[in-house]
Amino acid sequence: MRRPLLYLDVDGPLNPYAAKPERRPQGYTTIRATVRPGRPLRVWLHPGHGAALLALPYELCWATTWRGEANRWIAPVVGLPELPYVDFGRGLFAERPDGVHWKTEALVAHAAGRPFAWVDDEQSAADTAYVARHHPAPALLHHVDPRIGLRTEDFEALGRFAAGLTAP
């Protein structure tokens, strides 16, 4: 059986961008990423997150507006290898009248019936309902507080979900 997918957002889960701007969270390092012309982005990343993510029984995949740039700027700092990413195409930032997040439909399509967990700071009840209606396999939409990023409790929840997929 193939491992379930773990879709990773960057801003919020890995980069707690909503933390107090003058206080970098403990254990995090700061990078300045120039992904677009103009002023570089300040990004806080925890070097231990990669090992914790790789220890989980998932196939990792970026689900972020960073797309392939996450492999250049984020992966080396947190200790991840190059990962595939979901190409949101024309759906990138597209508002939906039903309140479903613009990533949700693309993630369900990308998963193609495989179990998945999605780590993000922007999911809502509308996304959970959409996934329940349109995805035949188990899925976990795991919300991470963008003020604190991924924590031990989040990794434990992801581990429990994956373990439940293989339990008899």
Foldseek 3Di string as FASTA:
>chain_A
DAAAEEEEECQQAFFLPPAPPVDQDPQWDWDFDCPDPDGTDIGTGHLQPQVLVVVARHQYEYQYPCQQVCQVPPCVRNPHHRHHYQDLPPLVVDDDPQRADSSLVSVLVVSVQGEYEYEEADGDVSSVVVCVVRHPDHYHDHHGGSNHHDDPVSSVVSNVVSVVVPDD
